Amino acid sequence: MNIKVRAPGSCGELVQGTLGGVNFLITCPINWYSEAEASIGGTDTPVSKPKVVKAVNQTLQYLGSSLSIGINITSDLPEGKGMASSSADISAACQATAIAVTGRMLTCDEVADIALDIEPTDGIFFPGITMIDHIKGTIRRVLGQPPPIYIAVFDAGGEVDTLAFNNRQDLARLNQEKAARVSQAADLVIRGIRTGDASLVGKGATISALANQSILYKPCLETLIHLAESFGAVGVCAAHSGTVIGVLFDAGKMKRHTECVNAICSICKEVTYLKTVELIAGGLEIIGVTEISGREKRYGYA
């Protein structure tokens, strides 16, 4: 059986930091994907993606299977940018492997357990917008569906190694210093998700992005925020352990989107515009299958 599963990437996080000393992030899934195709008896392995190989092997071990699985990864998510490229690859590979071997879908928690054993993980494979402890998995809370928001994605350049970032000796102290602002940001975003208010999501994301400047500085962020607000954007999100910055627009108020992008490109020479995407509900989706009977093509809350 050949199974193809896709996972969304992210535009950084809506919020990231610590609450009560526990690491967490609030996901920012977007319609920019990684796809994993699994085939029983296949020999293709993504040698350039050792984390994917490890994900497949650990999934087979978890399932108690000795079958040979070939995996092919297709993705145009930039790596090292804080766009959950590894989390998308790993989660899609885990799910495709499990379905190919057993004909059943792993739960979100099963995927999370495997992924967290490999590296700190984004929760983009959970449904909706999710709060997750990306280090140990102690928090796994689906917050709800996102309001209609489009995100203009900019890259501040360079790459960030997720493992190295999370092993920084000063990270716990710096997270504690910004904890009050992160708590405020999380409250706003959670309320925005619950009420469908894009402006609250934008306000919370902006607070979190600014609070993270002491940990991973983004050039031109303050200027970019000012420009975004002047063109009607509801806020700005950032990759807290990456290089991307997102300008958030209420989907019903996109009239000045192009002007905003052009102004940022003209004034903020340190950043590069990538493209505009949509904030979506997270989750893994089966997009290709040779044989699977009586099963949902998408899994989420159930």
Protein backbone atom coordinates (compact mmCIF):
# COMPACT_ATOMS: atom_id res chain seq x y z
CA MET A 1 0.00 0.00 0.00
CA ASN A 2 1.34 3.46 -0.92
CA ILE A 3 0.26 6.25 1.39
CA LYS A 4 0.91 9.97 0.96
CA VAL A 5 0.36 12.29 3.94
CA ARG A 6 0.93 16.01 4.13
CA ALA A 7 1.60 18.23 7.14
CA PRO A 8 1.43 22.01 7.31
CA GLY A 9 4.41 24.16 8.06
CA SER A 10 4.19 27.26 10.23
CA CYS A 11 5.07 30.92 10.23
CA GLY A 12 6.93 30.72 13.50
CA GLU A 13 4.61 30.71 16.49
CA LEU A 14 1.79 32.95 17.66
CA VAL A 15 3.30 32.81 21.17
CA GLN A 16 6.31 31.05 22.69
CA GLY A 17 7.97 31.09 26.09
CA THR A 18 7.36 29.59 29.52
CA LEU A 19 4.42 29.53 31.91
CA GLY A 20 5.29 28.57 35.48
CA GLY A 21 8.67 27.45 34.22
CA VAL A 22 7.13 25.07 31.64
CA ASN A 23 8.03 25.58 27.98
CA PHE A 24 5.18 26.08 25.54
CA LEU A 25 4.25 27.49 22.18
CA ILE A 26 0.98 28.30 20.44
CA THR A 27 1.04 26.98 16.89
CA CYS A 28 0.76 29.06 13.73
CA PRO A 29 0.00 26.46 11.01
CA ILE A 30 -0.12 27.70 7.41
CA ASN A 31 -1.06 26.33 3.99
CA TRP A 32 2.54 25.57 3.04
CA TYR A 33 3.21 21.85 3.29
CA SER A 34 5.57 18.92 3.56
CA GLU A 35 4.47 15.60 2.02
CA ALA A 36 5.63 12.10 2.93
CA GLU A 37 4.91 9.06 0.77
CA ALA A 38 5.39 5.63 2.35
CA SER A 39 5.52 2.33 0.48
CA ILE A 40 5.79 -1.16 1.93
CA GLY A 41 8.90 -2.90 0.67
CA GLY A 42 10.25 0.34 -0.75
CA THR A 43 13.93 1.15 -0.69
CA ASP A 44 13.89 4.93 -1.11
CA THR A 45 15.18 6.73 1.97
CA PRO A 46 15.75 10.48 2.39
CA VAL A 47 19.46 10.26 3.24
CA SER A 48 19.58 14.05 3.50
CA LYS A 49 16.89 13.93 6.21
CA PRO A 50 18.20 11.73 9.05
CA LYS A 51 15.37 12.87 11.35
CA VAL A 52 12.85 11.39 8.91
CA VAL A 53 14.74 8.09 8.83
CA LYS A 54 14.70 8.06 12.62
CA ALA A 55 10.97 8.88 12.66
CA VAL A 56 10.19 5.95 10.35
CA ASN A 57 12.33 3.54 12.38
CA GLN A 58 10.81 4.65 15.68
CA THR A 59 7.29 4.37 14.26
CA LEU A 60 8.00 0.81 13.10
CA GLN A 61 9.45 -0.02 16.51
CA TYR A 62 6.40 1.47 18.25
CA LEU A 63 4.10 -0.60 16.04
CA GLY A 64 6.17 -3.73 16.54
CA SER A 65 6.68 -4.09 12.78
CA SER A 66 9.68 -5.49 10.94
CA LEU A 67 8.42 -4.46 7.50
CA SER A 68 10.66 -2.54 5.12
CA ILE A 69 9.30 0.93 4.39
CA GLY A 70 10.43 3.33 1.71
CA ILE A 71 9.82 7.04 2.32
CA ASN A 72 9.91 9.94 -0.10
CA ILE A 73 9.68 13.50 1.21
CA THR A 74 8.48 16.38 -0.95
CA SER A 75 8.63 19.84 0.59
CA ASP A 76 9.41 23.41 -0.34
CA LEU A 77 9.32 24.61 3.27
CA PRO A 78 12.56 26.52 3.91
CA GLU A 79 14.75 24.82 6.54
CA GLY A 80 16.31 26.53 9.52
CA LYS A 81 13.81 29.38 9.36
CA GLY A 82 11.40 28.45 12.15
CA MET A 83 8.72 27.20 9.76
CA ALA A 84 8.34 23.76 11.39
CA SER A 85 9.92 22.05 8.39
CA SER A 86 11.36 19.22 10.50
CA SER A 87 8.16 18.80 12.51
CA ALA A 88 6.16 18.63 9.29
CA ASP A 89 8.54 16.08 7.74
CA ILE A 90 8.64 13.93 10.87
CA SER A 91 4.91 13.93 11.60
CA ALA A 92 3.93 13.24 7.99
CA ALA A 93 6.47 10.39 7.80
CA CYS A 94 5.22 8.86 11.07
CA GLN A 95 1.61 8.91 9.93
CA ALA A 96 2.30 7.64 6.40
CA THR A 97 4.39 4.79 7.82
CA ALA A 98 1.73 3.80 10.36
CA ILE A 99 -1.09 3.74 7.82
CA ALA A 100 0.97 1.81 5.27
CA VAL A 101 1.90 -0.82 7.88
CA THR A 102 -1.30 -1.17 9.92
CA GLY A 103 -4.06 0.56 7.96
CA ARG A 104 -4.78 2.78 10.95
CA MET A 105 -3.95 6.35 11.80
CA LEU A 106 -1.81 7.29 14.76
CA THR A 107 -3.44 9.66 17.21
CA CYS A 108 -2.02 13.14 17.61
CA ASP A 109 -0.56 12.13 20.97
CA GLU A 110 1.15 9.09 19.45
CA VAL A 111 2.71 11.28 16.75
CA ALA A 112 3.77 13.78 19.41
CA ASP A 113 5.42 11.10 21.54
CA ILE A 114 7.49 9.85 18.60
CA ALA A 115 8.38 13.34 17.37
CA LEU A 116 9.37 14.63 20.82
CA ASP A 117 11.74 11.70 21.24
CA ILE A 118 13.63 12.96 18.18
CA GLU A 119 13.74 16.73 18.82
CA PRO A 120 11.73 19.67 20.19
CA THR A 121 8.61 19.72 18.05
CA ASP A 122 5.98 22.11 16.82
CA GLY A 123 2.38 20.94 17.29
CA ILE A 124 1.28 21.60 13.70
CA PHE A 125 -0.02 18.02 13.44
CA PHE A 126 -2.68 18.68 16.11
CA PRO A 127 -6.07 19.98 14.91
CA GLY A 128 -6.87 23.67 15.01
CA ILE A 129 -4.54 26.00 16.90
CA THR A 130 -2.72 24.21 19.71
CA MET A 131 -0.76 25.03 22.85
CA ILE A 132 2.01 22.47 23.31
CA ASP A 133 5.06 21.98 25.47
CA HIS A 134 7.46 21.62 22.56
CA ILE A 135 10.26 20.21 24.72
CA LYS A 136 8.64 17.54 26.92
CA GLY A 137 5.04 17.43 25.73
CA THR A 138 3.53 18.02 29.17
CA ILE A 139 1.06 20.54 27.69
CA ARG A 140 -1.13 19.46 24.75
CA ARG A 141 -4.18 21.68 24.49
CA VAL A 142 -6.24 22.29 21.37
CA LEU A 143 -7.46 25.89 21.58
CA GLY A 144 -9.91 25.94 18.66
CA GLN A 145 -10.16 27.03 15.05
CA PRO A 146 -8.29 30.10 13.78
CA PRO A 147 -10.17 33.21 12.66
CA PRO A 148 -9.70 34.06 8.96
CA ILE A 149 -6.17 35.50 8.82
CA TYR A 150 -3.65 35.88 6.00
CA ILE A 151 0.06 36.18 6.75
CA ALA A 152 2.68 37.96 4.64
CA VAL A 153 5.86 36.00 5.37
CA PHE A 154 9.26 37.73 5.52
CA ASP A 155 12.68 36.22 6.18
CA ALA A 156 15.34 38.05 8.20
CA GLY A 157 18.05 35.79 6.77
CA GLY A 158 20.34 33.08 8.06
CA GLU A 159 19.39 29.80 9.77
CA VAL A 160 18.80 28.69 13.34
CA ASP A 161 19.52 25.18 14.62
CA THR A 162 16.54 24.17 16.78
CA LEU A 163 18.48 21.76 18.98
CA ALA A 164 21.29 24.24 19.61
CA PHE A 165 18.79 27.03 20.35
CA ASN A 166 16.90 24.97 22.93
CA ASN A 167 20.18 23.94 24.59
CA ARG A 168 21.27 27.53 25.22
CA GLN A 169 22.47 27.95 28.80
CA ASP A 170 20.81 31.35 29.15
CA LEU A 171 17.44 30.35 27.69
CA ALA A 172 15.65 29.51 30.95
CA ARG A 173 16.69 32.82 32.53
CA LEU A 174 15.69 34.87 29.49
CA ASN A 175 12.34 33.08 29.25
CA GLN A 176 11.68 33.84 32.91
CA GLU A 177 12.45 37.52 32.37
CA LYS A 178 9.79 37.79 29.67
CA ALA A 179 7.25 35.46 31.34
CA ALA A 180 4.77 38.21 32.28
CA ARG A 181 4.59 39.52 28.71
CA VAL A 182 4.31 36.00 27.33
CA SER A 183 1.43 35.25 29.70
CA GLN A 184 -0.35 38.41 28.51
CA ALA A 185 0.29 37.42 24.89
CA ALA A 186 -1.06 33.90 25.43
CA ASP A 187 -4.21 35.22 27.12
CA LEU A 188 -4.92 37.54 24.18
CA VAL A 189 -4.34 34.85 21.54
CA ILE A 190 -6.42 32.26 23.39
CA ARG A 191 -9.27 34.76 23.75
CA GLY A 192 -8.93 35.67 20.07
CA ILE A 193 -9.15 32.02 19.01
CA ARG A 194 -12.12 31.41 21.30
CA THR A 195 -14.06 34.45 20.03
CA GLY A 196 -12.85 34.43 16.42
CA ASP A 197 -11.29 37.88 16.87
CA ALA A 198 -8.30 38.34 14.53
CA SER A 199 -7.27 41.60 16.21
CA LEU A 200 -6.77 39.89 19.59
CA VAL A 201 -4.68 37.17 17.94
CA GLY A 202 -2.59 39.86 16.26
CA LYS A 203 -2.08 41.84 19.48
CA GLY A 204 -0.96 38.78 21.40
CA ALA A 205 1.38 37.62 18.64
CA THR A 206 2.97 41.07 18.44
CA ILE A 207 3.63 41.16 22.19
CA SER A 208 5.29 37.75 22.03
CA ALA A 209 7.39 38.68 19.00
CA LEU A 210 8.68 41.83 20.71
CA ALA A 211 9.33 40.01 23.99
CA ASN A 212 11.53 37.52 22.14
CA GLN A 213 13.89 40.23 20.87
CA SER A 214 16.06 39.72 23.97
CA ILE A 215 16.49 36.03 23.03
CA LEU A 216 16.69 36.04 19.23
CA TYR A 217 16.87 39.53 17.76
CA LYS A 218 15.02 40.25 14.51
CA PRO A 219 16.41 43.24 12.59
CA CYS A 220 13.85 45.88 11.65
CA LEU A 221 11.08 44.21 13.70
CA GLU A 222 9.90 47.39 15.42
CA THR A 223 9.84 49.31 12.11
CA LEU A 224 8.07 46.43 10.42
CA ILE A 225 5.40 46.39 13.16
CA HIS A 226 4.82 50.13 12.76
CA LEU A 227 4.50 49.79 8.99
CA ALA A 228 2.16 46.81 9.32
CA GLU A 229 -0.16 48.72 11.64
CA SER A 230 -0.21 51.74 9.32
CA PHE A 231 -1.47 49.55 6.49
CA GLY A 232 -4.24 47.92 8.50
CA ALA A 233 -2.55 44.70 9.64
CA VAL A 234 -3.74 43.28 12.96
CA GLY A 235 -0.27 42.35 14.16
CA VAL A 236 2.97 40.52 13.61
CA CYS A 237 4.11 37.02 14.54
CA ALA A 238 7.67 35.67 14.60
CA ALA A 239 9.68 32.49 14.66
CA HIS A 240 10.95 32.52 18.24
CA SER A 241 13.72 30.07 17.32
CA GLY A 242 13.97 30.95 13.64
CA THR A 243 14.26 33.80 11.17
CA VAL A 244 10.78 34.42 9.72
CA ILE A 245 8.41 37.24 10.57
CA GLY A 246 4.74 37.26 9.58
CA VAL A 247 2.44 40.24 9.06
CA LEU A 248 -1.10 39.25 10.04
CA PHE A 249 -4.12 40.59 8.14
CA ASP A 250 -7.77 40.06 8.93
CA ALA A 251 -8.96 38.19 5.82
CA GLY A 252 -11.77 40.72 5.37
CA LYS A 253 -9.36 43.67 5.40
CA MET A 254 -6.77 42.89 2.75
CA LYS A 255 -7.14 46.03 0.63
CA ARG A 256 -3.72 47.47 1.53
CA HIS A 257 -1.87 44.15 1.76
CA THR A 258 0.17 44.70 -1.42
CA GLU A 259 1.03 48.27 -0.41
CA CYS A 260 2.19 46.99 2.97
CA VAL A 261 4.44 44.32 1.47
CA ASN A 262 5.96 46.83 -0.94
CA ALA A 263 6.58 49.36 1.83
CA ILE A 264 8.28 46.80 4.05
CA CYS A 265 10.47 45.61 1.19
CA SER A 266 11.42 49.21 0.42
CA ILE A 267 12.16 50.34 3.97
CA CYS A 268 13.28 47.16 5.76
CA LYS A 269 16.20 46.08 3.59
CA GLU A 270 17.22 43.44 6.16
CA VAL A 271 14.19 41.25 5.36
CA THR A 272 13.04 39.44 2.22
CA TYR A 273 9.42 38.80 1.28
CA LEU A 274 8.67 35.11 0.70
CA LYS A 275 4.93 34.90 0.02
CA THR A 276 1.50 35.38 1.58
CA VAL A 277 -0.15 32.37 3.17
CA GLU A 278 -3.25 31.55 5.17
CA LEU A 279 -3.44 30.72 8.88
CA ILE A 280 -5.15 27.32 8.91
CA ALA A 281 -6.23 24.59 11.28
CA GLY A 282 -3.39 22.17 11.89
CA GLY A 283 -3.59 18.43 11.33
CA LEU A 284 -2.29 15.71 9.05
CA GLU A 285 -4.08 14.93 5.81
CA ILE A 286 -4.05 11.79 3.68
CA ILE A 287 -3.76 13.06 0.11
CA GLY A 288 -2.88 9.86 -1.73
CA VAL A 289 -3.71 6.22 -1.05
CA THR A 290 -3.60 2.99 -2.99
CA GLU A 291 -5.89 1.11 -0.64
CA ILE A 292 -7.60 2.24 2.54
CA SER A 293 -11.19 1.34 3.27
CA GLY A 294 -13.67 2.93 5.60
CA ARG A 295 -11.29 5.55 6.96
CA GLU A 296 -11.43 9.32 7.14
CA LYS A 297 -9.10 11.19 4.78
CA ARG A 298 -8.33 13.72 7.51
CA TYR A 299 -7.98 13.29 11.23
CA GLY A 300 -8.34 15.90 13.90
CA TYR A 301 -10.62 16.24 16.90
CA ALA A 302 -12.02 12.71 16.70
